[in-house]
Amino acid sequence: QVQLVESGGGSVQAGGSLRLSCAASGSIFSINNMAWYRQAPGKQREFVALITTGGITNYADSVKGRFIISRDNAKNTMYLQMNSLKPEDTAVYYCNLVQVVGSVYNYWGQGTQVNVSS
């Protein structure tokens, strides 16, 4: 079993920055993908960014050039640096970890709220 705990959410004005963290613990294997998703009120959960164990990244078009995903494999922690925030970035941000150990195992954190005011 894997536990994911997000932190770093809060309220900020448009144009500001926030840094989210996701600490993973439990049965974590050396190769996995970690990602951030978000869900705004009344909308479906959507992909934000992904990073592999080797550091390969992928971003949603809506955040490219503004958000930076990173990870510290030694600490089993992932980060999301969010810059130039917009009101439409307001959402609950969820941490996700996927690892394949025979079967595919998919884990989610409890989410952290980000509010961006205009």
N, C-alpha and C. Protein backbone atom coordinates (compact mmCIF):
# COMPACT_ATOMS: atom_id res chain seq x y z
N GLN A 1 0.85 -1.20 0.00
CA GLN A 1 0.00 0.00 0.00
C GLN A 1 0.88 1.25 0.00
N VAL A 2 0.39 2.30 -0.65
CA VAL A 2 1.11 3.57 -0.75
C VAL A 2 0.21 4.68 -0.22
N GLN A 3 0.79 5.57 0.55
CA GLN A 3 0.07 6.74 1.04
C GLN A 3 0.68 8.00 0.41
N LEU A 4 -0.20 8.90 -0.02
CA LEU A 4 0.22 10.15 -0.63
C LEU A 4 -0.39 11.30 0.15
N VAL A 5 0.46 12.26 0.53
CA VAL A 5 -0.02 13.41 1.30
C VAL A 5 0.42 14.69 0.61
N GLU A 6 -0.56 15.48 0.16
CA GLU A 6 -0.28 16.76 -0.48
C GLU A 6 -0.23 17.88 0.55
N SER A 7 0.52 18.90 0.22
CA SER A 7 0.57 20.11 1.05
C SER A 7 0.94 21.29 0.16
N GLY A 8 0.75 22.49 0.70
CA GLY A 8 1.19 23.69 -0.01
C GLY A 8 0.08 24.48 -0.68
N GLY A 9 -1.14 23.97 -0.63
CA GLY A 9 -2.22 24.72 -1.22
C GLY A 9 -2.54 25.98 -0.42
N GLY A 10 -3.39 26.82 -0.97
CA GLY A 10 -3.77 28.05 -0.29
C GLY A 10 -4.42 29.02 -1.24
N SER A 11 -4.48 30.26 -0.81
CA SER A 11 -5.11 31.32 -1.59
C SER A 11 -4.06 32.32 -2.05
N VAL A 12 -4.18 32.74 -3.29
CA VAL A 12 -3.21 33.68 -3.86
C VAL A 12 -3.92 34.53 -4.90
N GLN A 13 -3.39 35.71 -5.15
CA GLN A 13 -3.95 36.56 -6.19
C GLN A 13 -3.42 36.15 -7.55
N ALA A 14 -4.16 36.49 -8.58
CA ALA A 14 -3.72 36.20 -9.94
C ALA A 14 -2.33 36.78 -10.19
N GLY A 15 -1.51 35.99 -10.85
CA GLY A 15 -0.13 36.39 -11.09
C GLY A 15 0.84 35.89 -10.04
N GLY A 16 0.31 35.38 -8.94
CA GLY A 16 1.16 34.89 -7.87
C GLY A 16 1.63 33.47 -8.10
N SER A 17 2.32 32.94 -7.09
CA SER A 17 2.91 31.61 -7.18
C SER A 17 2.58 30.78 -5.93
N LEU A 18 2.55 29.49 -6.13
CA LEU A 18 2.42 28.52 -5.04
C LEU A 18 3.26 27.31 -5.38
N ARG A 19 3.70 26.60 -4.36
CA ARG A 19 4.44 25.35 -4.56
C ARG A 19 3.74 24.24 -3.79
N LEU A 20 3.29 23.24 -4.52
CA LEU A 20 2.67 22.08 -3.91
C LEU A 20 3.71 20.97 -3.72
N SER A 21 3.50 20.20 -2.68
CA SER A 21 4.34 19.04 -2.42
C SER A 21 3.47 17.80 -2.25
N CYS A 22 4.02 16.66 -2.61
CA CYS A 22 3.34 15.38 -2.41
C CYS A 22 4.36 14.39 -1.86
N ALA A 23 4.15 13.99 -0.62
CA ALA A 23 5.05 13.03 0.02
C ALA A 23 4.45 11.64 -0.06
N ALA A 24 5.22 10.71 -0.60
CA ALA A 24 4.77 9.33 -0.74
C ALA A 24 5.45 8.45 0.30
N SER A 25 4.70 7.50 0.83
CA SER A 25 5.26 6.55 1.79
C SER A 25 4.61 5.19 1.57
N GLY A 26 5.25 4.18 2.13
CA GLY A 26 4.71 2.82 2.00
C GLY A 26 5.52 2.00 1.01
N SER A 27 4.83 1.13 0.30
CA SER A 27 5.48 0.18 -0.61
C SER A 27 5.72 0.82 -1.97
N ILE A 28 6.74 1.65 -2.03
CA ILE A 28 7.06 2.38 -3.26
C ILE A 28 8.19 1.66 -3.97
N PHE A 29 7.98 1.34 -5.23
CA PHE A 29 9.00 0.69 -6.01
C PHE A 29 9.83 1.72 -6.75
N SER A 30 10.98 1.29 -7.19
CA SER A 30 11.97 2.24 -7.71
C SER A 30 11.53 2.90 -9.01
N ILE A 31 10.65 2.25 -9.74
CA ILE A 31 10.20 2.82 -11.01
C ILE A 31 8.70 3.09 -10.92
N ASN A 32 8.36 4.36 -11.10
CA ASN A 32 6.94 4.72 -11.05
C ASN A 32 6.76 6.06 -11.74
N ASN A 33 5.53 6.37 -12.03
CA ASN A 33 5.18 7.70 -12.54
C ASN A 33 4.39 8.42 -11.47
N MET A 34 4.69 9.70 -11.29
CA MET A 34 3.92 10.54 -10.38
C MET A 34 3.33 11.68 -11.18
N ALA A 35 2.17 12.13 -10.77
CA ALA A 35 1.48 13.15 -11.55
C ALA A 35 0.61 14.01 -10.64
N TRP A 36 0.26 15.17 -11.17
CA TRP A 36 -0.71 16.06 -10.55
C TRP A 36 -1.95 16.11 -11.43
N TYR A 37 -3.09 16.05 -10.79
CA TYR A 37 -4.37 16.26 -11.44
C TYR A 37 -5.10 17.36 -10.66
N ARG A 38 -6.13 17.93 -11.25
CA ARG A 38 -6.92 18.92 -10.52
C ARG A 38 -8.39 18.78 -10.90
N GLN A 39 -9.22 19.24 -9.98
CA GLN A 39 -10.66 19.19 -10.21
C GLN A 39 -11.29 20.48 -9.71
N ALA A 40 -11.84 21.23 -10.63
CA ALA A 40 -12.55 22.46 -10.30
C ALA A 40 -14.00 22.14 -10.00
N PRO A 41 -14.69 23.00 -9.26
CA PRO A 41 -16.09 22.75 -8.92
C PRO A 41 -16.94 22.53 -10.17
N GLY A 42 -17.70 21.45 -10.17
CA GLY A 42 -18.59 21.16 -11.29
C GLY A 42 -17.92 20.62 -12.53
N LYS A 43 -16.62 20.36 -12.43
CA LYS A 43 -15.88 19.85 -13.60
C LYS A 43 -15.25 18.50 -13.28
N GLN A 44 -14.86 17.79 -14.35
CA GLN A 44 -14.18 16.52 -14.16
C GLN A 44 -12.73 16.73 -13.77
N ARG A 45 -12.18 15.74 -13.13
CA ARG A 45 -10.76 15.80 -12.79
C ARG A 45 -9.95 15.79 -14.08
N GLU A 46 -8.92 16.64 -14.14
CA GLU A 46 -8.12 16.74 -15.35
C GLU A 46 -6.63 16.64 -15.04
N PHE A 47 -5.91 16.15 -16.03
CA PHE A 47 -4.46 15.99 -15.92
C PHE A 47 -3.78 17.36 -15.92
N VAL A 48 -2.75 17.50 -15.08
CA VAL A 48 -1.97 18.73 -15.03
C VAL A 48 -0.54 18.49 -15.50
N ALA A 49 0.14 17.55 -14.85
CA ALA A 49 1.54 17.31 -15.20
C ALA A 49 1.95 15.94 -14.68
N LEU A 50 2.98 15.37 -15.33
CA LEU A 50 3.48 14.05 -14.97
C LEU A 50 4.99 14.05 -14.99
N ILE A 51 5.59 13.23 -14.12
CA ILE A 51 7.04 13.06 -14.14
C ILE A 51 7.37 11.60 -13.87
N THR A 52 8.28 11.06 -14.66
CA THR A 52 8.70 9.68 -14.46
C THR A 52 9.84 9.62 -13.45
N THR A 53 10.19 8.43 -13.05
CA THR A 53 11.32 8.26 -12.14
C THR A 53 12.59 8.85 -12.74
N GLY A 54 12.72 8.73 -14.05
CA GLY A 54 13.90 9.24 -14.72
C GLY A 54 13.85 10.73 -15.02
N GLY A 55 12.76 11.39 -14.65
CA GLY A 55 12.69 12.83 -14.82
C GLY A 55 12.05 13.32 -16.11
N ILE A 56 11.49 12.42 -16.88
CA ILE A 56 10.77 12.85 -18.09
C ILE A 56 9.45 13.47 -17.66
N THR A 57 9.13 14.63 -18.25
CA THR A 57 7.94 15.36 -17.84
C THR A 57 6.97 15.55 -19.00
N ASN A 58 5.73 15.78 -18.63
CA ASN A 58 4.67 16.08 -19.60
C ASN A 58 3.68 17.00 -18.91
N TYR A 59 3.18 17.99 -19.68
CA TYR A 59 2.29 18.99 -19.11
C TYR A 59 1.02 19.13 -19.94
N ALA A 60 -0.05 19.49 -19.28
CA ALA A 60 -1.25 19.90 -20.00
C ALA A 60 -0.96 21.23 -20.68
N ASP A 61 -1.56 21.44 -21.82
CA ASP A 61 -1.32 22.68 -22.57
C ASP A 61 -1.66 23.91 -21.73
N SER A 62 -2.65 23.79 -20.88
CA SER A 62 -3.12 24.93 -20.11
C SER A 62 -2.11 25.44 -19.08
N VAL A 63 -1.12 24.61 -18.74
CA VAL A 63 -0.14 25.01 -17.72
C VAL A 63 1.28 25.09 -18.24
N LYS A 64 1.49 24.71 -19.50
CA LYS A 64 2.84 24.75 -20.06
C LYS A 64 3.41 26.15 -19.98
N GLY A 65 4.66 26.24 -19.55
CA GLY A 65 5.33 27.52 -19.42
C GLY A 65 5.06 28.24 -18.12
N ARG A 66 4.10 27.74 -17.34
CA ARG A 66 3.78 28.37 -16.05
C ARG A 66 4.07 27.45 -14.87
N PHE A 67 3.82 26.17 -15.03
CA PHE A 67 4.01 25.19 -13.96
C PHE A 67 5.26 24.36 -14.23
N ILE A 68 5.93 23.97 -13.16
CA ILE A 68 7.10 23.09 -13.26
C ILE A 68 6.95 21.94 -12.28
N ILE A 69 6.99 20.72 -12.81
CA ILE A 69 6.91 19.53 -11.96
C ILE A 69 8.32 19.00 -11.72
N SER A 70 8.56 18.52 -10.52
CA SER A 70 9.87 17.95 -10.19
C SER A 70 9.67 16.90 -9.11
N ARG A 71 10.73 16.14 -8.86
CA ARG A 71 10.64 15.13 -7.82
C ARG A 71 12.01 14.89 -7.22
N ASP A 72 12.00 14.43 -5.97
CA ASP A 72 13.21 14.03 -5.26
C ASP A 72 13.02 12.55 -4.94
N ASN A 73 13.64 11.68 -5.74
CA ASN A 73 13.42 10.25 -5.57
C ASN A 73 13.93 9.75 -4.21
N ALA A 74 14.97 10.36 -3.70
CA ALA A 74 15.51 9.94 -2.40
C ALA A 74 14.51 10.21 -1.27
N LYS A 75 13.70 11.25 -1.45
CA LYS A 75 12.70 11.62 -0.43
C LYS A 75 11.30 11.14 -0.78
N ASN A 76 11.17 10.49 -1.95
CA ASN A 76 9.84 10.06 -2.42
C ASN A 76 8.85 11.21 -2.38
N THR A 77 9.29 12.35 -2.86
CA THR A 77 8.47 13.55 -2.83
C THR A 77 8.43 14.19 -4.21
N MET A 78 7.25 14.66 -4.59
CA MET A 78 7.05 15.34 -5.85
C MET A 78 6.59 16.77 -5.57
N TYR A 79 6.93 17.67 -6.47
CA TYR A 79 6.59 19.07 -6.29
C TYR A 79 5.89 19.61 -7.55
N LEU A 80 5.14 20.67 -7.35
CA LEU A 80 4.58 21.42 -8.47
C LEU A 80 4.74 22.90 -8.17
N GLN A 81 5.64 23.53 -8.89
CA GLN A 81 5.83 24.97 -8.78
C GLN A 81 4.86 25.63 -9.74
N MET A 82 3.95 26.41 -9.21
CA MET A 82 2.92 27.05 -10.02
C MET A 82 3.16 28.55 -10.04
N ASN A 83 3.46 29.08 -11.21
CA ASN A 83 3.73 30.50 -11.40
C ASN A 83 2.67 31.13 -12.29
N SER A 84 2.60 32.44 -12.24
CA SER A 84 1.65 33.18 -13.08
C SER A 84 0.25 32.58 -12.97
N LEU A 85 -0.17 32.36 -11.75
CA LEU A 85 -1.45 31.70 -11.54
C LEU A 85 -2.61 32.54 -12.04
N LYS A 86 -3.63 31.84 -12.53
CA LYS A 86 -4.83 32.46 -13.07
C LYS A 86 -6.04 31.98 -12.28
N PRO A 87 -7.11 32.76 -12.28
CA PRO A 87 -8.32 32.31 -11.56
C PRO A 87 -8.80 30.93 -12.03
N GLU A 88 -8.59 30.61 -13.30
CA GLU A 88 -9.02 29.30 -13.80
C GLU A 88 -8.16 28.15 -13.30
N ASP A 89 -7.09 28.46 -12.58
CA ASP A 89 -6.29 27.40 -11.94
C ASP A 89 -6.89 26.97 -10.61
N THR A 90 -7.92 27.68 -10.16
CA THR A 90 -8.58 27.33 -8.91
C THR A 90 -9.16 25.92 -8.99
N ALA A 91 -8.78 25.08 -8.05
CA ALA A 91 -9.21 23.68 -8.05
C ALA A 91 -8.64 22.97 -6.83
N VAL A 92 -9.10 21.75 -6.63
CA VAL A 92 -8.43 20.85 -5.71
C VAL A 92 -7.39 20.09 -6.51
N TYR A 93 -6.17 20.12 -6.04
CA TYR A 93 -5.06 19.46 -6.73
C TYR A 93 -4.75 18.13 -6.04
N TYR A 94 -4.69 17.08 -6.86
CA TYR A 94 -4.48 15.72 -6.36
C TYR A 94 -3.16 15.17 -6.85
N CYS A 95 -2.49 14.49 -5.97
CA CYS A 95 -1.27 13.77 -6.29
C CYS A 95 -1.63 12.34 -6.70
N ASN A 96 -0.93 11.84 -7.69
CA ASN A 96 -1.19 10.49 -8.21
C ASN A 96 0.13 9.74 -8.40
N LEU A 97 0.14 8.48 -8.04
CA LEU A 97 1.30 7.62 -8.27
C LEU A 97 0.84 6.33 -8.92
N VAL A 98 1.52 5.95 -9.98
CA VAL A 98 1.21 4.70 -10.68
C VAL A 98 2.49 3.87 -10.74
N GLN A 99 2.39 2.64 -10.31
CA GLN A 99 3.52 1.73 -10.44
C GLN A 99 3.02 0.37 -10.89
N VAL A 100 3.88 -0.31 -11.63
CA VAL A 100 3.53 -1.62 -12.19
C VAL A 100 4.37 -2.68 -11.49
N VAL A 101 3.69 -3.53 -10.73
CA VAL A 101 4.34 -4.64 -10.06
C VAL A 101 3.50 -5.87 -10.36
N GLY A 102 3.69 -6.39 -11.56
CA GLY A 102 2.78 -7.42 -12.03
C GLY A 102 1.52 -6.76 -12.55
N SER A 103 0.73 -6.23 -11.67
CA SER A 103 -0.47 -5.47 -12.02
C SER A 103 -0.17 -3.97 -11.91
N VAL A 104 -1.11 -3.17 -12.44
CA VAL A 104 -0.97 -1.72 -12.35
C VAL A 104 -1.62 -1.26 -11.05
N TYR A 105 -0.85 -0.51 -10.26
CA TYR A 105 -1.36 0.02 -9.00
C TYR A 105 -1.43 1.53 -9.11
N ASN A 106 -2.57 2.09 -8.79
CA ASN A 106 -2.86 3.51 -8.98
C ASN A 106 -3.29 4.09 -7.64
N TYR A 107 -2.58 5.09 -7.15
CA TYR A 107 -2.84 5.66 -5.84
C TYR A 107 -3.11 7.16 -5.95
N TRP A 108 -3.96 7.66 -5.04
CA TRP A 108 -4.33 9.08 -5.02
C TRP A 108 -4.16 9.66 -3.62
N GLY A 109 -3.79 10.93 -3.57
CA GLY A 109 -3.80 11.65 -2.32
C GLY A 109 -5.18 12.21 -2.04
N GLN A 110 -5.30 12.92 -0.92
CA GLN A 110 -6.60 13.44 -0.50
C GLN A 110 -6.91 14.80 -1.13
N GLY A 111 -5.91 15.42 -1.72
CA GLY A 111 -6.11 16.70 -2.40
C GLY A 111 -5.78 17.90 -1.54
N THR A 112 -5.39 18.97 -2.21
CA THR A 112 -5.12 20.24 -1.53
C THR A 112 -5.76 21.36 -2.36
N GLN A 113 -6.41 22.28 -1.68
CA GLN A 113 -7.18 23.33 -2.36
C GLN A 113 -6.28 24.49 -2.76
N VAL A 114 -6.44 24.93 -4.01
CA VAL A 114 -5.76 26.12 -4.51
C VAL A 114 -6.84 27.10 -4.98
N ASN A 115 -6.79 28.30 -4.44
CA ASN A 115 -7.73 29.35 -4.81
C ASN A 115 -6.96 30.54 -5.38
N VAL A 116 -7.32 30.95 -6.57
CA VAL A 116 -6.67 32.09 -7.21
C VAL A 116 -7.73 33.15 -7.47
N SER A 117 -7.54 34.31 -6.87
CA SER A 117 -8.50 35.39 -7.02
C SER A 117 -8.01 36.41 -8.04
N SER A 118 -8.97 37.03 -8.68
CA SER A 118 -8.62 38.02 -9.72
C SER A 118 -8.43 39.40 -9.13
